[in-house]
Amino acid sequence: TSKAIQKSGVPAVEAFFASMKPNTSIKPHSDFTNFVLTSHLPLVVPENGNNKCRLSVGDESRQWMEGKVILFDTSILHDAINEADEMRYILMLRVWHPDLSGEEREALQFIYDVLELPELLSDDAGTRFMAEERARMAKEFP
């Protein structure tokens, strides 16, 4: 999956599979982050097409439909519900907002990297080099 995403050219910041238990909901929330968008690719939707599994963003609600991508801004208040009696599975991608320049993406990625590897800000060149290598290797796909 990771190689397919990489080869697709999708500007993914992260990708993972997510499940939602039967008869559960995720309360309205926001992540206050509008420099990335979130994409859901529904893989298994119980009672597909019967409006049992829904995502609401702002005032708009849509049901997950297997194979139909939903792209949305998680800085807007959103919630989810699975009223079916089975698990719901999606592939979730967080992608760079298309209005960002390359320089803005690089700056934001550097912030993410520093949060994981504070040594990237080291005054010691050797320590900084090793952290840069770890950051580079973490971005390589197997």
Protein backbone atom coordinates (compact mmCIF):
# COMPACT_ATOMS: atom_id res chain seq x y z
CA THR A 1 0.00 0.00 0.00
CA SER A 2 2.75 2.46 0.91
CA LYS A 3 4.57 1.89 -2.39
CA ALA A 4 1.35 2.36 -4.37
CA ILE A 5 0.71 5.66 -2.57
CA GLN A 6 4.28 6.80 -3.18
CA LYS A 7 4.11 5.89 -6.89
CA SER A 8 0.71 7.59 -7.28
CA GLY A 9 2.24 11.01 -6.76
CA VAL A 10 -0.37 11.88 -4.11
CA PRO A 11 1.27 14.46 -1.80
CA ALA A 12 0.62 12.34 1.29
CA VAL A 13 1.83 13.53 4.68
CA GLU A 14 0.66 10.29 6.29
CA ALA A 15 -1.40 7.24 5.41
CA PHE A 16 -2.99 4.56 7.55
CA PHE A 17 -5.92 2.19 7.80
CA ALA A 18 -8.67 3.15 10.23
CA SER A 19 -11.57 1.17 11.61
CA MET A 20 -14.75 2.19 13.36
CA LYS A 21 -16.54 -0.17 15.69
CA PRO A 22 -20.23 -1.01 15.17
CA ASN A 23 -22.81 1.32 16.69
CA THR A 24 -20.29 3.99 17.68
CA SER A 25 -19.72 7.64 16.97
CA ILE A 26 -16.90 10.16 17.06
CA LYS A 27 -18.03 13.41 18.64
CA PRO A 28 -17.70 16.70 16.72
CA HIS A 29 -14.11 17.93 16.80
CA SER A 30 -11.55 20.00 14.89
CA ASP A 31 -7.79 19.61 14.65
CA PHE A 32 -7.31 23.33 13.85
CA THR A 33 -5.01 22.35 10.98
CA ASN A 34 -5.87 23.58 7.50
CA PHE A 35 -2.51 23.06 5.78
CA VAL A 36 -3.36 19.40 5.22
CA LEU A 37 -6.58 17.86 3.96
CA THR A 38 -7.90 14.45 4.94
CA SER A 39 -8.96 11.82 2.43
CA HIS A 40 -11.03 8.75 3.27
CA LEU A 41 -11.14 5.83 0.85
CA PRO A 42 -13.86 3.53 2.23
CA LEU A 43 -12.81 -0.11 1.88
CA VAL A 44 -15.48 -1.97 3.86
CA VAL A 45 -18.73 -0.16 4.65
CA PRO A 46 -21.41 -2.25 6.34
CA GLU A 47 -24.80 -1.86 4.69
CA ASN A 48 -23.06 0.09 1.91
CA GLY A 49 -25.49 2.65 0.47
CA ASN A 50 -27.98 2.49 3.35
CA ASN A 51 -26.65 5.64 5.09
CA LYS A 52 -25.59 3.72 8.22
CA CYS A 53 -21.99 5.01 8.15
CA ARG A 54 -21.69 8.78 7.80
CA LEU A 55 -19.21 11.62 8.03
CA SER A 56 -20.38 15.15 8.75
CA VAL A 57 -18.20 18.18 8.04
CA GLY A 58 -19.71 21.50 9.03
CA ASP A 59 -23.38 21.40 8.02
CA GLU A 60 -22.89 18.71 5.34
CA SER A 61 -23.27 14.99 5.94
CA ARG A 62 -22.24 12.22 3.54
CA GLN A 63 -22.33 8.48 3.81
CA TRP A 64 -19.19 6.47 3.20
CA MET A 65 -19.57 4.45 0.01
CA GLU A 66 -17.06 1.70 -0.78
CA GLY A 67 -14.50 2.94 -3.30
CA LYS A 68 -15.75 6.58 -3.27
CA VAL A 69 -13.16 9.02 -1.91
CA ILE A 70 -14.17 11.81 0.47
CA LEU A 71 -11.73 14.74 0.83
CA PHE A 72 -12.27 17.29 3.59
CA ASP A 73 -10.68 19.96 5.76
CA THR A 74 -10.36 18.76 9.36
CA SER A 75 -10.05 22.32 10.64
CA ILE A 76 -13.82 22.43 10.14
CA LEU A 77 -15.87 20.82 12.91
CA HIS A 78 -16.53 17.19 11.87
CA ASP A 79 -17.89 13.95 13.30
CA ALA A 80 -18.54 10.37 12.28
CA ILE A 81 -21.09 7.66 12.99
CA ASN A 82 -21.35 3.92 12.36
CA GLU A 83 -24.92 2.79 13.04
CA ALA A 84 -24.33 -0.63 11.46
CA ASP A 85 -23.68 -3.87 13.33
CA GLU A 86 -20.26 -4.42 11.70
CA MET A 87 -16.86 -2.70 11.55
CA ARG A 88 -16.20 0.03 8.98
CA TYR A 89 -12.70 0.20 7.40
CA ILE A 90 -11.10 3.04 5.46
CA LEU A 91 -7.71 4.02 4.08
CA MET A 92 -7.01 7.49 5.46
CA LEU A 93 -4.56 9.85 3.80
CA ARG A 94 -3.53 13.24 5.05
CA VAL A 95 -2.38 15.27 2.06
CA TRP A 96 -0.78 18.68 1.70
CA HIS A 97 -3.27 21.43 0.93
CA PRO A 98 -2.98 22.19 -2.80
CA ASP A 99 -2.60 25.94 -2.17
CA LEU A 100 0.73 25.45 -0.35
CA SER A 101 3.93 26.29 -2.19
CA GLY A 102 6.84 23.86 -2.22
CA GLU A 103 8.70 26.08 0.24
CA GLU A 104 5.73 26.09 2.63
CA ARG A 105 5.51 22.29 2.46
CA GLU A 106 9.23 21.98 3.19
CA ALA A 107 8.98 24.36 6.16
CA LEU A 108 6.00 22.51 7.62
CA GLN A 109 7.71 19.14 7.06
CA PHE A 110 10.77 20.47 8.88
CA ILE A 111 8.57 21.38 11.86
CA TYR A 112 7.14 17.83 11.88
CA ASP A 113 10.67 16.41 11.63
CA VAL A 114 11.96 18.55 14.52
CA LEU A 115 9.08 17.40 16.72
CA GLU A 116 10.25 13.80 16.12
CA LEU A 117 13.98 14.54 16.09
CA PRO A 118 14.88 17.65 18.14
CA GLU A 119 18.55 16.90 17.35
CA LEU A 120 17.89 18.49 13.94
CA LEU A 121 18.36 21.83 15.74
CA SER A 122 21.61 20.81 17.42
CA ASP A 123 24.57 23.20 17.31
CA ASP A 124 26.81 20.16 16.90
CA ALA A 125 27.26 19.39 13.17
CA GLY A 126 27.74 15.65 13.76
CA THR A 127 24.61 15.33 15.87
CA ARG A 128 22.62 17.36 13.34
CA PHE A 129 23.95 15.22 10.45
CA MET A 130 22.93 12.00 12.17
CA ALA A 131 19.44 13.41 12.84
CA GLU A 132 19.14 14.49 9.19
CA GLU A 133 20.06 10.96 8.10
CA ARG A 134 17.45 9.44 10.45
CA ALA A 135 14.82 11.85 9.11
CA ARG A 136 15.75 10.96 5.51
CA MET A 137 15.62 7.21 6.20
CA ALA A 138 12.24 7.54 7.94
CA LYS A 139 10.79 8.93 4.73
CA GLU A 140 12.01 6.06 2.56
CA PHE A 141 9.51 3.34 1.75
CA PRO A 142 10.52 -0.28 2.22
